[in-house]
């Protein structure tokens, strides 16, 4: 079978399409004919992990060292990228009860990656479930990571109907799903993004969209119940004036100074900083499936690339061109 393989860290051209052995099938596993996989920040970071600096890493520095050991210090241990996928069940193990051959599915591999392949075997009880009929394979493949992370983190602030929520970094995978989820919870949502992606964020249902190249949201006089900062770009001191008296500044990515600020504000009855890690599970994926079927979550695919152009797909994302999600099309011809 074909797979997108990289045996050294570096620029997009390290990605090569190669023939690898088709996976075997254990009793508790399903074999999936992969139709689509997403290309996101995690894929780009893993592909060039050797050259990632502490300043570029969006978490506390010590975690970068641990991650480097996990992914490989000088050469990648995990030589096939891809964490979000969709496809059709090809075969099932003898102990499988939830799936049968022919079922459309979608799922998430997390840091295990390995989805950039024609055939993928996963455990029945892993993060995989049936694909809703109201999204395409390409759309389904670009939902799990962002939706699962946004769902997990937004639970930390218990959004109520009528609250005002600002998502700083609203055009990425987590941010775009955070906009949709906050709207689903009944909030008035403001999305912050760059000029090329303003219409994309507006199409997700944001009530207001701020182009950060033209306006600093901390200086417009508006205040919010929740500021969800996806990349940890806004410090508490900078955002404090934009929070309501009991507002929450929620970080999806954070460094040591953010953690220290969380410790300081945790002793207060007023504004607080929250740093949290997402811990996805199968029940969360089933909730995402339910939200997709209800029309509360969708995906807008900007570009789809064939497997042979995986390097071009990475380059397109890396250069900041995308206005929506980017996927690789691995579906069989016809």
Protein backbone atom coordinates (compact mmCIF):
# COMPACT_ATOMS: atom_id res chain seq x y z
CA UNK A 1 0.00 0.00 0.00
CA UNK A 2 1.04 3.62 -0.44
CA UNK A 3 2.05 5.81 2.48
CA UNK A 4 3.54 9.29 2.93
CA UNK A 5 6.84 8.66 4.70
CA UNK A 6 9.58 10.91 6.04
CA UNK A 7 12.85 9.53 7.38
CA UNK A 8 14.49 12.83 8.31
CA UNK A 9 13.32 16.15 9.69
CA UNK A 10 13.15 19.13 7.40
CA UNK A 11 11.21 21.09 4.77
CA UNK A 12 8.11 19.68 3.04
CA UNK A 13 10.20 17.89 0.43
CA UNK A 14 11.27 15.29 3.02
CA UNK A 15 7.80 13.77 2.50
CA UNK A 16 7.90 10.89 0.03
CA UNK A 17 5.22 8.51 -1.24
CA UNK A 18 6.45 4.95 -0.70
CA UNK A 19 5.12 1.41 -0.69
CA UNK A 20 4.84 -0.05 2.80
CA UNK A 21 3.37 -3.25 4.18
CA UNK A 22 -0.39 -3.33 4.62
CA UNK A 23 -1.27 -3.60 8.32
CA UNK A 24 -2.48 -6.87 9.80
CA UNK A 25 -5.75 -7.03 11.70
CA UNK A 26 -6.07 -8.05 15.37
CA UNK A 27 -9.29 -9.46 16.81
CA UNK A 28 -10.27 -6.09 18.36
CA UNK A 29 -9.32 -3.94 15.37
CA UNK A 30 -10.92 -2.56 12.25
CA UNK A 31 -9.09 -2.06 8.96
CA UNK A 32 -9.97 1.27 7.34
CA UNK A 33 -9.51 2.22 3.71
CA UNK A 34 -8.48 5.83 4.29
CA UNK A 35 -10.22 8.40 2.09
CA UNK A 36 -8.95 11.68 3.57
CA UNK A 37 -6.53 13.00 6.19
CA UNK A 38 -6.03 16.55 7.40
CA UNK A 39 -2.85 18.61 7.24
CA UNK A 40 -2.53 20.79 10.33
CA UNK A 41 -0.10 22.48 12.65
CA UNK A 42 0.78 19.21 14.40
CA UNK A 43 1.89 17.62 11.13
CA UNK A 44 4.07 20.60 10.27
CA UNK A 45 5.60 20.72 13.74
CA UNK A 46 6.35 16.98 13.80
CA UNK A 47 7.86 17.05 10.31
CA UNK A 48 10.41 19.68 11.34
CA UNK A 49 10.61 18.92 15.07
CA UNK A 50 14.40 18.80 15.23
CA UNK A 51 14.56 22.48 14.34
CA UNK A 52 11.78 23.70 16.62
CA UNK A 53 13.02 26.24 19.18
CA UNK A 54 11.74 26.72 22.71
CA UNK A 55 10.18 30.03 21.66
CA UNK A 56 8.27 28.37 18.80
CA UNK A 57 6.99 25.55 21.01
CA UNK A 58 3.56 26.48 22.36
CA UNK A 59 3.92 24.73 25.71
CA UNK A 60 6.33 24.95 28.70
CA UNK A 61 9.93 24.30 27.64
CA UNK A 62 10.48 21.01 29.52
CA UNK A 63 7.66 19.44 27.51
CA UNK A 64 9.58 20.11 24.30
CA UNK A 65 12.45 17.97 25.57
CA UNK A 66 10.06 15.13 26.42
CA UNK A 67 8.34 15.47 23.04
CA UNK A 68 11.68 15.33 21.23
CA UNK A 69 12.47 12.01 22.91
CA UNK A 70 9.01 10.74 21.96
CA UNK A 71 9.18 11.79 18.30
CA UNK A 72 12.92 11.18 17.86
CA UNK A 73 15.87 13.42 18.68
CA UNK A 74 17.80 13.46 15.41
CA UNK A 75 15.56 11.37 13.15
CA UNK A 76 11.81 10.78 13.36
CA UNK A 77 10.69 7.63 15.16
CA UNK A 78 7.17 8.06 13.82
CA UNK A 79 7.82 8.18 10.10
CA UNK A 80 4.20 8.50 8.96
CA UNK A 81 2.28 11.66 9.88
CA UNK A 82 -1.47 12.24 9.99
CA UNK A 83 -3.70 12.31 13.06
CA UNK A 84 -7.21 13.06 11.69
CA UNK A 85 -8.72 10.69 9.16
CA UNK A 86 -11.89 9.45 7.50
CA UNK A 87 -12.58 6.43 5.36
CA UNK A 88 -14.53 3.21 4.96
CA UNK A 89 -14.17 0.04 7.01
CA UNK A 90 -12.50 -2.60 4.83
CA UNK A 91 -12.58 -5.49 7.31
CA UNK A 92 -13.18 -6.15 11.02
CA UNK A 93 -11.53 -8.43 13.56
CA UNK A 94 -13.40 -11.41 14.98
CA UNK A 95 -14.11 -9.61 18.27
CA UNK A 96 -15.46 -6.38 16.77
CA UNK A 97 -19.14 -5.58 17.39
CA UNK A 98 -19.53 -1.83 16.71
CA UNK A 99 -18.46 -1.78 13.05
CA UNK A 100 -18.85 -3.83 9.91
CA UNK A 101 -17.27 -3.72 6.48
CA UNK A 102 -18.57 -0.81 4.41
CA UNK A 103 -19.19 1.56 7.35
CA UNK A 104 -18.03 5.16 6.72
CA UNK A 105 -15.95 6.28 9.73
CA UNK A 106 -13.81 9.13 10.99
CA UNK A 107 -11.41 9.48 13.89
CA UNK A 108 -8.34 10.84 15.60
CA UNK A 109 -4.93 9.28 16.22
CA UNK A 110 -3.46 11.95 18.48
CA UNK A 111 0.32 11.88 18.89
CA UNK A 112 0.42 8.28 17.63
CA UNK A 113 -0.16 9.69 14.13
CA UNK A 114 0.29 7.29 11.21
CA UNK A 115 -2.88 8.10 9.24
CA UNK A 116 -1.17 9.18 5.99
CA UNK A 117 -1.65 5.69 4.54
CA UNK A 118 -4.04 3.90 2.22
CA UNK A 119 -5.01 1.38 4.92
CA UNK A 120 -5.08 1.98 8.66
CA UNK A 121 -5.83 -0.48 11.45
CA UNK A 122 -7.18 0.89 14.74
CA UNK A 123 -8.72 -0.63 17.84
CA UNK A 124 -12.52 -0.68 17.92
CA UNK A 125 -12.55 1.21 21.24
CA UNK A 126 -10.11 3.91 20.10
CA UNK A 127 -11.08 7.40 18.91
CA UNK A 128 -13.03 6.27 15.86
CA UNK A 129 -16.76 6.31 15.14
CA UNK A 130 -19.27 6.41 12.29
CA UNK A 131 -19.08 9.39 9.95
CA UNK A 132 -22.23 11.54 9.95
CA UNK A 133 -23.99 11.50 6.60
CA UNK A 134 -24.23 15.31 6.45
CA UNK A 135 -20.47 15.85 5.97
CA UNK A 136 -18.13 14.63 3.25
CA UNK A 137 -15.08 12.47 3.93
CA UNK A 138 -12.85 15.51 3.46
CA UNK A 139 -14.90 17.58 5.89
CA UNK A 140 -15.02 14.77 8.45
CA UNK A 141 -11.24 14.34 8.33
CA UNK A 142 -10.68 17.97 9.35
CA UNK A 143 -12.94 18.03 12.40
CA UNK A 144 -11.77 15.72 15.25
CA UNK A 145 -8.67 17.43 16.64
CA UNK A 146 -10.03 20.97 16.73
CA UNK A 147 -13.51 19.97 17.87
CA UNK A 148 -12.29 17.61 20.61
CA UNK A 149 -9.81 20.14 21.95
CA UNK A 150 -12.23 23.08 21.86
CA UNK A 151 -14.97 20.97 23.46
CA UNK A 152 -12.67 19.85 26.28
CA UNK A 153 -11.29 23.29 27.04
CA UNK A 154 -14.55 25.24 26.80
CA UNK A 155 -16.00 22.95 29.45
CA UNK A 156 -13.53 24.55 31.86
CA UNK A 157 -15.39 27.88 31.65
CA UNK A 158 -19.00 26.63 31.51
CA UNK A 159 -20.29 29.09 28.91
CA UNK A 160 -23.84 30.29 29.55
CA UNK A 161 -26.41 31.59 27.09
CA UNK A 162 -26.04 35.33 26.54
CA UNK A 163 -22.41 35.54 27.62
CA UNK A 164 -19.85 37.29 25.44
CA UNK A 165 -16.96 35.13 24.23
CA UNK A 166 -13.92 36.22 22.24
CA UNK A 167 -11.80 33.65 20.40
CA UNK A 168 -8.30 34.95 19.70
CA UNK A 169 -6.99 32.86 16.81
CA UNK A 170 -10.41 31.98 15.42
CA UNK A 171 -9.33 30.71 12.00
CA UNK A 172 -7.25 27.68 13.04
CA UNK A 173 -8.49 24.19 13.80
CA UNK A 174 -9.17 24.75 17.51
CA UNK A 175 -10.35 28.34 17.07
CA UNK A 176 -12.78 27.62 14.24
CA UNK A 177 -14.46 24.90 16.27
CA UNK A 178 -14.44 27.05 19.41
CA UNK A 179 -16.41 29.72 17.51
CA UNK A 180 -19.03 27.17 16.50
CA UNK A 181 -19.27 25.56 19.93
CA UNK A 182 -19.58 28.90 21.74
CA UNK A 183 -22.41 29.82 19.36
CA UNK A 184 -24.03 26.46 20.06
CA UNK A 185 -23.90 27.23 23.78
CA UNK A 186 -25.76 30.48 23.10
CA UNK A 187 -22.91 32.98 23.45
CA UNK A 188 -22.35 36.17 21.50
CA UNK A 189 -19.07 35.34 19.76
CA UNK A 190 -16.28 37.55 18.50
CA UNK A 191 -13.54 35.99 16.41
CA UNK A 192 -10.07 37.50 15.99
CA UNK A 193 -8.01 36.55 12.93
CA UNK A 194 -5.92 37.97 10.08
CA UNK A 195 -7.48 39.82 7.14
CA UNK A 196 -7.41 36.91 4.61
CA UNK A 197 -9.52 34.75 6.91
CA UNK A 198 -12.14 37.27 8.07
CA UNK A 199 -14.86 35.91 5.76
CA UNK A 200 -14.02 32.34 6.75
CA UNK A 201 -14.53 33.12 10.45
CA UNK A 202 -17.70 35.04 9.70
CA UNK A 203 -19.05 32.04 7.77
CA UNK A 204 -18.62 29.91 10.91
CA UNK A 205 -21.29 32.01 12.63
CA UNK A 206 -19.21 34.56 14.52
CA UNK A 207 -21.31 37.59 15.46
CA UNK A 208 -18.32 39.90 15.13
CA UNK A 209 -14.93 39.45 13.46
CA UNK A 210 -11.86 41.54 14.28
CA UNK A 211 -8.91 41.78 11.90
CA UNK A 212 -5.99 41.94 14.32
CA UNK A 213 -3.85 43.73 11.73
CA UNK A 214 -6.25 46.70 11.91
CA UNK A 215 -7.60 46.61 15.45
CA UNK A 216 -6.35 45.61 18.89
CA UNK A 217 -9.35 44.04 20.62
CA UNK A 218 -7.97 45.07 24.02
CA UNK A 219 -8.35 48.75 23.10
CA UNK A 220 -11.88 48.90 21.70
CA UNK A 221 -13.65 49.18 25.04
CA UNK A 222 -15.51 45.85 24.77
CA UNK A 223 -15.46 43.37 27.65
CA UNK A 224 -16.01 39.61 27.61
CA UNK A 225 -17.01 36.83 29.96
CA UNK A 226 -14.46 34.54 28.30
CA UNK A 227 -11.40 35.23 26.20
CA UNK A 228 -10.19 31.98 24.63
CA UNK A 229 -6.61 32.54 23.46
CA UNK A 230 -5.61 29.67 21.18
CA UNK A 231 -1.87 30.33 20.86
CA UNK A 232 -1.23 32.15 24.12
CA UNK A 233 -0.51 35.43 22.34
CA UNK A 234 -2.24 37.74 24.83
CA UNK A 235 -0.88 38.08 28.37
CA UNK A 236 -3.24 38.52 31.32
CA UNK A 237 -1.94 42.05 31.94
CA UNK A 238 -2.76 42.95 28.33
CA UNK A 239 -6.21 41.29 28.36
CA UNK A 240 -7.33 42.08 31.90
CA UNK A 241 -9.14 45.28 30.93
CA UNK A 242 -11.14 43.34 28.31
CA UNK A 243 -12.50 40.86 30.86
CA UNK A 244 -15.71 41.38 32.79
CA UNK A 245 -15.43 41.38 36.62
CA UNK A 246 -15.52 37.57 36.85
CA UNK A 247 -14.17 36.92 33.37
CA UNK A 248 -11.92 34.03 32.40
CA UNK A 249 -8.83 34.08 30.19
CA UNK A 250 -8.57 30.53 28.84
CA UNK A 251 -5.38 29.35 27.15
CA UNK A 252 -5.22 26.43 24.71
CA UNK A 253 -1.43 26.86 24.48
CA UNK A 254 0.59 28.21 27.36
CA UNK A 255 4.08 28.62 28.74
CA UNK A 256 5.48 28.88 32.27
CA UNK A 257 4.55 32.60 32.74
CA UNK A 258 0.91 31.73 31.95
CA UNK A 259 0.98 28.97 34.58
CA UNK A 260 2.38 31.37 37.17
CA UNK A 261 -0.36 33.87 36.36
CA UNK A 262 -2.96 31.12 36.79
CA UNK A 263 -1.57 30.39 40.25
CA UNK A 264 -1.77 34.07 41.18
CA UNK A 265 -5.32 34.61 39.94
CA UNK A 266 -6.61 31.32 41.38
CA UNK A 267 -6.60 32.96 44.80
CA UNK A 268 -8.89 35.74 43.59
CA UNK A 269 -12.68 35.90 43.43
CA UNK A 270 -12.45 38.04 40.31
CA UNK A 271 -10.81 37.58 36.92
CA UNK A 272 -8.91 34.33 36.44
CA UNK A 273 -6.44 32.69 34.10
CA UNK A 274 -7.07 29.05 33.17
CA UNK A 275 -4.40 26.84 31.59
CA UNK A 276 -5.64 23.36 30.77
CA UNK A 277 -4.65 20.34 28.71
CA UNK A 278 -7.21 18.57 26.57
CA UNK A 279 -7.81 14.89 27.38
CA UNK A 280 -9.86 13.38 24.56
CA UNK A 281 -11.83 10.17 24.91
CA UNK A 282 -14.29 8.15 22.87
CA UNK A 283 -17.33 9.68 24.60
CA UNK A 284 -16.12 13.12 23.49
CA UNK A 285 -15.84 11.92 19.90
CA UNK A 286 -19.40 10.58 20.09
CA UNK A 287 -20.47 14.02 21.34
CA UNK A 288 -18.71 15.62 18.36
CA UNK A 289 -20.49 13.17 16.07
CA UNK A 290 -23.80 14.22 17.62
CA UNK A 291 -22.99 17.92 17.18
CA UNK A 292 -22.10 17.38 13.52
CA UNK A 293 -25.35 15.54 12.89
CA UNK A 294 -27.25 18.40 14.56
CA UNK A 295 -25.53 20.95 12.32
CA UNK A 296 -23.75 22.67 15.24
CA UNK A 297 -20.30 21.79 13.90
CA UNK A 298 -19.19 21.78 10.30
CA UNK A 299 -15.95 22.11 8.37
CA UNK A 300 -14.98 24.33 5.48
CA UNK A 301 -12.29 22.73 3.33
CA UNK A 302 -10.11 25.25 1.55
CA UNK A 303 -7.89 22.93 -0.49
CA UNK A 304 -7.63 19.21 -1.17
CA UNK A 305 -4.39 17.70 -2.47
CA UNK A 306 -3.74 14.21 -3.89
CA UNK A 307 -1.35 11.99 -1.95
CA UNK A 308 1.43 12.61 -4.47
CA UNK A 309 1.34 16.32 -3.60
CA UNK A 310 1.67 15.97 0.15
CA UNK A 311 4.70 18.26 0.14
CA UNK A 312 2.69 20.94 -1.69
CA UNK A 313 -0.09 20.63 0.89
CA UNK A 314 2.39 21.14 3.75
CA UNK A 315 3.94 24.08 1.92
CA UNK A 316 0.52 25.68 1.35
CA UNK A 317 -0.32 25.49 5.05
CA UNK A 318 3.16 26.52 6.17
CA UNK A 319 3.11 29.65 4.03
CA UNK A 320 -0.12 30.82 5.64
CA UNK A 321 -2.31 30.61 2.55
CA UNK A 322 -5.13 28.48 3.91
CA UNK A 323 -8.60 29.91 4.54
CA UNK A 324 -10.21 26.90 6.12
CA UNK A 325 -8.94 23.33 6.36
CA UNK A 326 -6.48 21.51 4.11
CA UNK A 327 -6.75 17.78 3.45
CA UNK A 328 -5.02 15.03 1.51
CA UNK A 329 -7.29 12.97 -0.74
CA UNK A 330 -6.47 9.26 -0.57
CA UNK A 331 -9.83 7.94 -1.80
CA UNK A 332 -9.66 5.17 -4.41
CA UNK A 333 -10.32 6.29 -7.98
CA UNK A 334 -13.92 6.00 -9.14
